[in-house]
Amino acid sequence: MSTNIHPSAIIEAGAQLGAGCRVGPFCLVGADVVLGDRVELKSHVVVTGQTVIGDDTVIFPFACIGEIPQDLKFRGEQTRLEVGRRNRIREHVTMNAGTEGGGGLTKVGDDGLFMAGSHVAHDVMLGDRVVVVNNAALAGHCVIGDDVIIGGLSGVHQWVRIGQGAIIGAVTMVTADVIPYGLVQASRGELDGLNLVGLKRRGVARADITALRDAMKRLASGEGAFQERARALGEETDSAYVRQIVEFITGSSDRSFLTPRS
């Protein structure tokens, strides 16, 4: 497949474009950018810095991908942004490269949808099939698991981890870690149960959903601190989904946790 570049687009010397790329009017592709096969830049798109865009990703007008971090500690060091395959990056989305203090890499998985005006900050690590809804923002160093949905106009505090399959409601501020498959809503972010709709859509067995419900009750109240209850739960459960929550809670983190209501 031949690459199609509009005459008004600027492709700086050194940029690498894969087979079948389409670069629309008034786009800018920087010298250190690598576009995979069949990447499409609609129009007025800026892709700059040491940025890799995976195959079959489509970027819509006025998105700015790979610019330097919005971090006052940044001093021009060489850092990167890696975007996976088959992502849909809509209008006015911003994704920044990493920082030296955060490992130097911002990484986006495969098959994501980033709706208009959303932001992915420096050193964020995103899994596969993540949806970030309009005008939601992920602050620096966040770790977002597979199949997470971030509701519109929401903000995720720096260093927060959100486990696989969790859903964040619209207009929510998330300041603490969210367990896998959790449902978070309210303006200051409260863990309000499980993402049951997402679990059912994924075809999770009824027995596992029941085990997750029971695990939430055990985590909400009982003897010991939250992490102690999680460890006890891990010793007793046979559910892989519950063990995933336990491993998340007992893993390394720089934040506290959103805990279930008792």
C-alpha atoms as a PDB file:
ATOM      1  CA  MET A   1       0.000   0.000   0.000  1.00  0.00           C
ATOM      2  CA  SER A   2       1.288   3.453  -0.868  1.00  0.00           C
ATOM      3  CA  THR A   3       1.495   6.277   1.654  1.00  0.00           C
ATOM      4  CA  ASN A   4      -0.725   9.288   0.973  1.00  0.00           C
ATOM      5  CA  ILE A   5       0.527  12.683   2.204  1.00  0.00           C
ATOM      6  CA  HIS A   6      -1.436  15.875   1.597  1.00  0.00           C
ATOM      7  CA  PRO A   7       0.659  18.636  -0.005  1.00  0.00           C
ATOM      8  CA  SER A   8       0.043  20.988   2.933  1.00  0.00           C
ATOM      9  CA  ALA A   9       1.330  18.493   5.533  1.00  0.00           C
ATOM     10  CA  ILE A  10       4.864  18.851   6.949  1.00  0.00           C
ATOM     11  CA  ILE A  11       6.890  15.669   7.387  1.00  0.00           C
ATOM     12  CA  GLU A  12      10.223  16.496   8.978  1.00  0.00           C
ATOM     13  CA  ALA A  13      13.364  14.744   7.764  1.00  0.00           C
ATOM     14  CA  GLY A  14      13.944  11.557   9.730  1.00  0.00           C
ATOM     15  CA  ALA A  15      10.289  10.691  10.341  1.00  0.00           C
ATOM     16  CA  GLN A  16       9.372   7.085   9.518  1.00  0.00           C
ATOM     17  CA  LEU A  17       6.001   6.315   7.947  1.00  0.00           C
ATOM     18  CA  GLY A  18       4.741   2.769   7.494  1.00  0.00           C
ATOM     19  CA  ALA A  19       2.943   1.321   4.506  1.00  0.00           C
ATOM     20  CA  GLY A  20      -0.469   2.755   3.733  1.00  0.00           C
ATOM     21  CA  CYS A  21      -0.262   5.781   6.050  1.00  0.00           C
ATOM     22  CA  ARG A  22      -2.555   8.716   5.306  1.00  0.00           C
ATOM     23  CA  VAL A  23      -1.477  12.179   6.466  1.00  0.00           C
ATOM     24  CA  GLY A  24      -4.164  14.820   5.937  1.00  0.00           C
ATOM     25  CA  PRO A  25      -4.060  18.582   5.431  1.00  0.00           C
ATOM     26  CA  PHE A  26      -1.910  20.776   7.687  1.00  0.00           C
ATOM     27  CA  CYS A  27      -0.534  17.944   9.810  1.00  0.00           C
ATOM     28  CA  LEU A  28       2.958  18.033  11.344  1.00  0.00           C
ATOM     29  CA  VAL A  29       4.986  14.860  11.845  1.00  0.00           C
ATOM     30  CA  GLY A  30       8.229  15.406  13.744  1.00  0.00           C
ATOM     31  CA  ALA A  31      11.675  14.120  12.871  1.00  0.00           C
ATOM     32  CA  ASP A  32      11.760  11.407  15.564  1.00  0.00           C
ATOM     33  CA  VAL A  33       8.239  10.094  14.986  1.00  0.00           C
ATOM     34  CA  VAL A  34       7.506   6.541  13.811  1.00  0.00           C
ATOM     35  CA  LEU A  35       4.068   5.873  12.321  1.00  0.00           C
ATOM     36  CA  GLY A  36       3.120   2.212  11.902  1.00  0.00           C
ATOM     37  CA  ASP A  37       1.322   0.745   8.945  1.00  0.00           C
ATOM     38  CA  ARG A  38      -2.027   2.263   7.926  1.00  0.00           C
ATOM     39  CA  VAL A  39      -1.916   5.044  10.534  1.00  0.00           C
ATOM     40  CA  GLU A  40      -4.231   7.897   9.579  1.00  0.00           C
ATOM     41  CA  LEU A  41      -3.860  11.525  10.643  1.00  0.00           C
ATOM     42  CA  LYS A  42      -7.092  13.263   9.630  1.00  0.00           C
ATOM     43  CA  SER A  43      -6.029  16.939   9.498  1.00  0.00           C
ATOM     44  CA  HIS A  44      -4.321  19.579  11.678  1.00  0.00           C
ATOM     45  CA  VAL A  45      -2.727  16.824  13.793  1.00  0.00           C
ATOM     46  CA  VAL A  46       0.633  17.333  15.520  1.00  0.00           C
ATOM     47  CA  VAL A  47       2.718  14.244  16.277  1.00  0.00           C
ATOM     48  CA  THR A  48       6.110  15.191  17.654  1.00  0.00           C
ATOM     49  CA  GLY A  49       8.926  14.116  19.983  1.00  0.00           C
ATOM     50  CA  GLN A  50      10.203  10.551  20.236  1.00  0.00           C
ATOM     51  CA  THR A  51       6.795   9.079  19.538  1.00  0.00           C
ATOM     52  CA  VAL A  52       5.723   5.724  18.122  1.00  0.00           C
ATOM     53  CA  ILE A  53       2.167   5.252  16.837  1.00  0.00           C
ATOM     54  CA  GLY A  54       1.007   1.661  16.330  1.00  0.00           C
ATOM     55  CA  ASP A  55      -0.581   0.158  13.242  1.00  0.00           C
ATOM     56  CA  ASP A  56      -4.142   1.125  12.217  1.00  0.00           C
ATOM     57  CA  THR A  57      -4.435   3.965  14.721  1.00  0.00           C
ATOM     58  CA  VAL A  58      -6.551   6.932  13.618  1.00  0.00           C
ATOM     59  CA  ILE A  59      -5.943  10.439  15.006  1.00  0.00           C
ATOM     60  CA  PHE A  60      -8.566  13.129  14.489  1.00  0.00           C
ATOM     61  CA  PRO A  61      -8.160  16.892  13.918  1.00  0.00           C
ATOM     62  CA  PHE A  62      -6.310  19.145  16.354  1.00  0.00           C
ATOM     63  CA  ALA A  63      -4.931  16.336  18.505  1.00  0.00           C
ATOM     64  CA  CYS A  64      -1.424  16.967  19.857  1.00  0.00           C
ATOM     65  CA  ILE A  65       0.524  13.772  20.471  1.00  0.00           C
ATOM     66  CA  GLY A  66       4.027  13.461  21.946  1.00  0.00           C
ATOM     67  CA  GLU A  67       4.651  17.018  23.119  1.00  0.00           C
ATOM     68  CA  ILE A  68       6.831  17.673  26.161  1.00  0.00           C
ATOM     69  CA  PRO A  69       5.353  17.035  29.635  1.00  0.00           C
ATOM     70  CA  GLN A  70       3.418  19.659  31.535  1.00  0.00           C
ATOM     71  CA  ASP A  71       5.861  19.314  34.401  1.00  0.00           C
ATOM     72  CA  LEU A  72       7.993  22.182  35.703  1.00  0.00           C
ATOM     73  CA  LYS A  73      10.764  19.707  36.564  1.00  0.00           C
ATOM     74  CA  PHE A  74      11.200  18.804  32.889  1.00  0.00           C
ATOM     75  CA  ARG A  75      14.506  20.112  31.512  1.00  0.00           C
ATOM     76  CA  GLY A  76      14.452  18.871  27.942  1.00  0.00           C
ATOM     77  CA  GLU A  77      15.665  15.341  28.541  1.00  0.00           C
ATOM     78  CA  GLN A  78      14.962  12.735  25.851  1.00  0.00           C
ATOM     79  CA  THR A  79      11.778  10.879  26.762  1.00  0.00           C
ATOM     80  CA  ARG A  80       9.209   8.897  24.787  1.00  0.00           C
ATOM     81  CA  LEU A  81       5.573   8.216  24.036  1.00  0.00           C
ATOM     82  CA  GLU A  82       4.446   4.838  22.717  1.00  0.00           C
ATOM     83  CA  VAL A  83       0.895   4.393  21.420  1.00  0.00           C
ATOM     84  CA  GLY A  84      -0.311   0.890  20.571  1.00  0.00           C
ATOM     85  CA  ARG A  85      -2.334  -0.450  17.677  1.00  0.00           C
ATOM     86  CA  ARG A  86      -5.877   0.327  16.543  1.00  0.00           C
ATOM     87  CA  ASN A  87      -6.417   3.274  18.849  1.00  0.00           C
ATOM     88  CA  ARG A  88      -8.977   5.978  18.078  1.00  0.00           C
ATOM     89  CA  ILE A  89      -7.733   9.371  19.241  1.00  0.00           C
ATOM     90  CA  ARG A  90     -10.402  11.997  18.770  1.00  0.00           C
ATOM     91  CA  GLU A  91     -10.364  15.782  18.384  1.00  0.00           C
ATOM     92  CA  HIS A  92      -8.203  17.933  20.704  1.00  0.00           C
ATOM     93  CA  VAL A  93      -6.760  14.960  22.615  1.00  0.00           C
ATOM     94  CA  THR A  94      -3.338  15.560  24.197  1.00  0.00           C
ATOM     95  CA  MET A  95      -0.815  12.870  25.093  1.00  0.00           C
ATOM     96  CA  ASN A  96       2.556  13.861  26.563  1.00  0.00           C
ATOM     97  CA  ALA A  97       5.925  12.122  26.583  1.00  0.00           C
ATOM     98  CA  GLY A  98       7.427  10.872  29.847  1.00  0.00           C
ATOM     99  CA  THR A  99       9.834  12.475  32.291  1.00  0.00           C
ATOM    100  CA  GLU A 100      13.244  11.356  33.473  1.00  0.00           C
ATOM    101  CA  GLY A 101      11.955  11.070  37.050  1.00  0.00           C
ATOM    102  CA  GLY A 102       9.044   8.893  35.961  1.00  0.00           C
ATOM    103  CA  GLY A 103      10.983   6.409  33.862  1.00  0.00           C
ATOM    104  CA  GLY A 104      10.996   8.391  30.630  1.00  0.00           C
ATOM    105  CA  LEU A 105       8.038   6.670  28.996  1.00  0.00           C
ATOM    106  CA  THR A 106       4.317   7.258  28.555  1.00  0.00           C
ATOM    107  CA  LYS A 107       2.691   4.113  27.166  1.00  0.00           C
ATOM    108  CA  VAL A 108      -0.764   3.514  25.672  1.00  0.00           C
ATOM    109  CA  GLY A 109      -1.987  -0.009  24.937  1.00  0.00           C
ATOM    110  CA  ASP A 110      -4.020  -1.333  22.021  1.00  0.00           C
ATOM    111  CA  ASP A 111      -7.645  -0.732  20.947  1.00  0.00           C
ATOM    112  CA  GLY A 112      -8.260   2.335  23.101  1.00  0.00           C
ATOM    113  CA  LEU A 113     -10.778   5.106  22.532  1.00  0.00           C
ATOM    114  CA  PHE A 114      -9.771   8.595  23.626  1.00  0.00           C
ATOM    115  CA  MET A 115     -12.707  10.934  23.153  1.00  0.00           C
ATOM    116  CA  ALA A 116     -12.550  14.645  22.361  1.00  0.00           C
ATOM    117  CA  GLY A 117     -10.541  16.812  24.716  1.00  0.00           C
ATOM    118  CA  SER A 118      -9.189  14.026  26.928  1.00  0.00           C
ATOM    119  CA  HIS A 119      -5.641  14.174  28.295  1.00  0.00           C
ATOM    120  CA  VAL A 120      -2.959  11.571  29.024  1.00  0.00           C
ATOM    121  CA  ALA A 121      -0.137  13.079  31.064  1.00  0.00           C
ATOM    122  CA  HIS A 122       3.535  12.150  31.376  1.00  0.00           C
ATOM    123  CA  ASP A 123       4.591   8.679  32.511  1.00  0.00           C
ATOM    124  CA  VAL A 124       1.049   7.264  32.440  1.00  0.00           C
ATOM    125  CA  MET A 125       0.784   3.532  31.709  1.00  0.00           C
ATOM    126  CA  LEU A 126      -2.457   2.523  29.987  1.00  0.00           C
ATOM    127  CA  GLY A 127      -3.632  -1.009  29.277  1.00  0.00           C
ATOM    128  CA  ASP A 128      -5.643  -2.315  26.348  1.00  0.00           C
ATOM    129  CA  ARG A 129      -9.238  -1.394  25.436  1.00  0.00           C
ATOM    130  CA  VAL A 130      -9.283   1.647  27.704  1.00  0.00           C
ATOM    131  CA  VAL A 131     -11.965   4.286  27.086  1.00  0.00           C
ATOM    132  CA  VAL A 132     -11.328   7.862  28.236  1.00  0.00           C
ATOM    133  CA  VAL A 133     -14.488   9.908  27.704  1.00  0.00           C
ATOM    134  CA  ASN A 134     -14.686  13.568  26.658  1.00  0.00           C
ATOM    135  CA  ASN A 135     -12.589  16.040  28.661  1.00  0.00           C
ATOM    136  CA  ALA A 136     -11.399  13.502  31.224  1.00  0.00           C
ATOM    137  CA  ALA A 137      -7.790  13.871  32.373  1.00  0.00           C
ATOM    138  CA  LEU A 138      -5.201  11.402  33.647  1.00  0.00           C
ATOM    139  CA  ALA A 139      -2.467  13.060  35.690  1.00  0.00           C
ATOM    140  CA  GLY A 140       1.172  11.997  35.676  1.00  0.00           C
ATOM    141  CA  HIS A 141       2.346   8.500  36.641  1.00  0.00           C
ATOM    142  CA  CYS A 142      -1.132   6.911  36.693  1.00  0.00           C
ATOM    143  CA  VAL A 143      -1.410   3.194  35.936  1.00  0.00           C
ATOM    144  CA  ILE A 144      -4.654   2.196  34.219  1.00  0.00           C
ATOM    145  CA  GLY A 145      -5.485  -1.490  33.684  1.00  0.00           C
ATOM    146  CA  ASP A 146      -7.150  -3.187  30.742  1.00  0.00           C
ATOM    147  CA  ASP A 147     -10.836  -2.534  29.967  1.00  0.00           C
ATOM    148  CA  VAL A 148     -11.121   0.543  32.215  1.00  0.00           C
ATOM    149  CA  ILE A 149     -13.652   3.279  31.403  1.00  0.00           C
ATOM    150  CA  ILE A 150     -13.014   6.835  32.641  1.00  0.00           C
ATOM    151  CA  GLY A 151     -16.204   8.927  32.552  1.00  0.00           C
ATOM    152  CA  GLY A 152     -16.464  12.369  31.000  1.00  0.00           C
ATOM    153  CA  LEU A 153     -15.105  15.421  32.835  1.00  0.00           C
ATOM    154  CA  SER A 154     -13.388  13.175  35.398  1.00  0.00           C
ATOM    155  CA  GLY A 155      -9.927  13.710  36.829  1.00  0.00           C
ATOM    156  CA  VAL A 156      -7.505  11.045  38.049  1.00  0.00           C
ATOM    157  CA  HIS A 157      -4.874  12.214  40.536  1.00  0.00           C
ATOM    158  CA  GLN A 158      -1.180  11.588  39.881  1.00  0.00           C
ATOM    159  CA  TRP A 159       0.211   8.174  40.896  1.00  0.00           C
ATOM    160  CA  VAL A 160      -3.260   6.604  41.152  1.00  0.00           C
ATOM    161  CA  ARG A 161      -3.722   3.011  39.984  1.00  0.00           C
ATOM    162  CA  ILE A 162      -7.024   1.844  38.505  1.00  0.00           C
ATOM    163  CA  GLY A 163      -7.408  -1.923  38.255  1.00  0.00           C
ATOM    164  CA  GLN A 164      -8.629  -3.929  35.297  1.00  0.00           C
ATOM    165  CA  GLY A 165     -12.292  -3.636  34.383  1.00  0.00           C
ATOM    166  CA  ALA A 166     -13.079  -0.720  36.703  1.00  0.00           C
ATOM    167  CA  ILE A 167     -15.418   2.090  35.673  1.00  0.00           C
ATOM    168  CA  ILE A 168     -15.251   5.714  36.796  1.00  0.00           C
ATOM    169  CA  GLY A 169     -18.501   7.685  36.587  1.00  0.00           C
ATOM    170  CA  ALA A 170     -18.739  11.098  34.979  1.00  0.00           C
ATOM    171  CA  VAL A 171     -17.572  14.255  36.795  1.00  0.00           C
ATOM    172  CA  THR A 172     -15.604  12.266  39.365  1.00  0.00           C
ATOM    173  CA  MET A 173     -12.319  13.116  41.060  1.00  0.00           C
ATOM    174  CA  VAL A 174     -10.283   9.990  41.796  1.00  0.00           C
ATOM    175  CA  THR A 175      -7.587  10.532  44.431  1.00  0.00           C
ATOM    176  CA  ALA A 176      -6.940   6.950  45.577  1.00  0.00           C
ATOM    177  CA  ASP A 177      -6.392   3.537  43.999  1.00  0.00           C
ATOM    178  CA  VAL A 178      -9.411   1.726  42.562  1.00  0.00           C
ATOM    179  CA  ILE A 179      -9.611  -2.059  42.848  1.00  0.00           C
ATOM    180  CA  PRO A 180     -10.187  -4.168  39.717  1.00  0.00           C
ATOM    181  CA  TYR A 181     -13.838  -4.269  38.580  1.00  0.00           C
ATOM    182  CA  GLY A 182     -14.766  -1.458  40.950  1.00  0.00           C
ATOM    183  CA  LEU A 183     -17.482   1.124  40.288  1.00  0.00           C
ATOM    184  CA  VAL A 184     -16.527   4.659  41.360  1.00  0.00           C
ATOM    185  CA  GLN A 185     -18.838   7.650  41.319  1.00  0.00           C
ATOM    186  CA  ALA A 186     -19.729  10.856  43.210  1.00  0.00           C
ATOM    187  CA  SER A 187     -17.841  14.117  42.922  1.00  0.00           C
ATOM    188  CA  ARG A 188     -15.055  13.089  45.294  1.00  0.00           C
ATOM    189  CA  GLY A 189     -14.888   9.500  44.080  1.00  0.00           C
ATOM    190  CA  GLU A 190     -16.426   6.776  46.234  1.00  0.00           C
ATOM    191  CA  LEU A 191     -16.198   3.035  45.630  1.00  0.00           C
ATOM    192  CA  ASP A 192     -19.869   2.229  45.149  1.00  0.00           C
ATOM    193  CA  GLY A 193     -19.812  -1.454  44.274  1.00  0.00           C
ATOM    194  CA  LEU A 194     -18.801  -3.518  41.257  1.00  0.00           C
ATOM    195  CA  ASN A 195     -18.866  -2.787  37.552  1.00  0.00           C
ATOM    196  CA  LEU A 196     -21.542  -5.442  37.069  1.00  0.00           C
ATOM    197  CA  VAL A 197     -22.511  -4.275  33.588  1.00  0.00           C
ATOM    198  CA  GLY A 198     -18.914  -4.595  32.408  1.00  0.00           C
ATOM    199  CA  LEU A 199     -18.515  -8.025  34.009  1.00  0.00           C
ATOM    200  CA  LYS A 200     -21.683  -9.345  32.355  1.00  0.00           C
ATOM    201  CA  ARG A 201     -20.680  -7.913  28.980  1.00  0.00           C
ATOM    202  CA  ARG A 202     -17.391  -9.764  29.234  1.00  0.00           C
ATOM    203  CA  GLY A 203     -19.229 -13.013  29.910  1.00  0.00           C
ATOM    204  CA  VAL A 204     -17.864 -13.511  33.428  1.00  0.00           C
ATOM    205  CA  ALA A 205     -19.487 -16.571  35.020  1.00  0.00           C
ATOM    206  CA  ARG A 206     -22.224 -16.077  37.595  1.00  0.00           C
ATOM    207  CA  ALA A 207     -20.148 -17.959  40.189  1.00  0.00           C
ATOM    208  CA  ASP A 208     -17.293 -15.475  39.782  1.00  0.00           C
ATOM    209  CA  ILE A 209     -19.648 -12.497  40.038  1.00  0.00           C
ATOM    210  CA  THR A 210     -21.082 -13.996  43.236  1.00  0.00           C
ATOM    211  CA  ALA A 211     -17.560 -14.471  44.584  1.00  0.00           C
ATOM    212  CA  LEU A 212     -16.746 -10.832  43.753  1.00  0.00           C
ATOM    213  CA  ARG A 213     -19.892  -9.656  45.553  1.00  0.00           C
ATOM    214  CA  ASP A 214     -18.923 -11.658  48.629  1.00  0.00           C
ATOM    215  CA  ALA A 215     -15.369 -10.313  48.453  1.00  0.00           C
ATOM    216  CA  MET A 216     -16.656  -6.728  48.449  1.00  0.00           C
ATOM    217  CA  LYS A 217     -18.646  -7.428  51.606  1.00  0.00           C
ATOM    218  CA  ARG A 218     -15.604  -8.976  53.269  1.00  0.00           C
ATOM    219  CA  LEU A 219     -13.430  -6.031  52.317  1.00  0.00           C
ATOM    220  CA  ALA A 220     -16.003  -3.516  53.540  1.00  0.00           C
ATOM    221  CA  SER A 221     -16.082  -4.698  57.142  1.00  0.00           C
ATOM    222  CA  GLY A 222     -14.479  -7.176  59.455  1.00  0.00           C
ATOM    223  CA  GLU A 223     -11.455  -7.574  61.648  1.00  0.00           C
ATOM    224  CA  GLY A 224      -8.175  -5.894  60.848  1.00  0.00           C
ATOM    225  CA  ALA A 225      -7.173  -3.146  58.439  1.00  0.00           C
ATOM    226  CA  PHE A 226      -8.239  -3.102  54.795  1.00  0.00           C
ATOM    227  CA  GLN A 227      -5.070  -4.784  53.527  1.00  0.00           C
ATOM    228  CA  GLU A 228      -5.212  -7.398  56.281  1.00  0.00           C
ATOM    229  CA  ARG A 229      -8.766  -8.296  55.251  1.00  0.00           C
ATOM    230  CA  ALA A 230      -7.573  -8.554  51.660  1.00  0.00           C
ATOM    231  CA  ARG A 231      -4.751 -10.944  52.583  1.00  0.00           C
ATOM    232  CA  ALA A 232      -7.153 -13.133  54.543  1.00  0.00           C
ATOM    233  CA  LEU A 233      -9.514 -13.168  51.599  1.00  0.00           C
ATOM    234  CA  GLY A 234      -6.713 -14.245  49.274  1.00  0.00           C
ATOM    235  CA  GLU A 235      -5.953 -17.250  51.451  1.00  0.00           C
ATOM    236  CA  GLU A 236      -9.542 -18.485  51.249  1.00  0.00           C
ATOM    237  CA  THR A 237     -10.807 -17.731  47.745  1.00  0.00           C
ATOM    238  CA  ASP A 238     -10.858 -20.005  44.707  1.00  0.00           C
ATOM    239  CA  SER A 239     -11.859 -17.229  42.283  1.00  0.00           C
ATOM    240  CA  ALA A 240      -9.206 -15.884  39.925  1.00  0.00           C
ATOM    241  CA  TYR A 241     -11.091 -12.578  39.807  1.00  0.00           C
ATOM    242  CA  VAL A 242     -11.008 -12.201  43.588  1.00  0.00           C
ATOM    243  CA  ARG A 243      -7.315 -13.117  43.653  1.00  0.00           C
ATOM    244  CA  GLN A 244      -6.713 -10.365  41.095  1.00  0.00           C
ATOM    245  CA  ILE A 245      -8.266  -7.842  43.496  1.00  0.00           C
ATOM    246  CA  VAL A 246      -6.188  -9.198  46.382  1.00  0.00           C
ATOM    247  CA  GLU A 247      -2.961  -8.941  44.385  1.00  0.00           C
ATOM    248  CA  PHE A 248      -3.855  -5.378  43.400  1.00  0.00           C
ATOM    249  CA  ILE A 249      -4.490  -4.335  47.020  1.00  0.00           C
ATOM    250  CA  THR A 250      -1.333  -5.976  48.340  1.00  0.00           C
ATOM    251  CA  GLY A 251       0.824  -4.663  45.489  1.00  0.00           C
ATOM    252  CA  SER A 252       3.103  -1.642  45.563  1.00  0.00           C
ATOM    253  CA  SER A 253       1.402   1.771  45.518  1.00  0.00           C
ATOM    254  CA  ASP A 254       2.078   5.392  46.381  1.00  0.00           C
ATOM    255  CA  ARG A 255      -1.598   6.068  47.162  1.00  0.00           C
ATOM    256  CA  SER A 256      -4.260   4.914  49.592  1.00  0.00           C
ATOM    257  CA  PHE A 257      -7.317   2.956  48.426  1.00  0.00           C
ATOM    258  CA  LEU A 258     -10.932   3.713  47.808  1.00  0.00           C
ATOM    259  CA  THR A 259     -12.607   1.204  50.105  1.00  0.00           C
ATOM    260  CA  PRO A 260     -16.089  -0.367  49.863  1.00  0.00           C
ATOM    261  CA  ARG A 261     -18.909   1.083  51.920  1.00  0.00           C
ATOM    262  CA  SER A 262     -19.654  -0.973  55.014  1.00  0.00           C
END
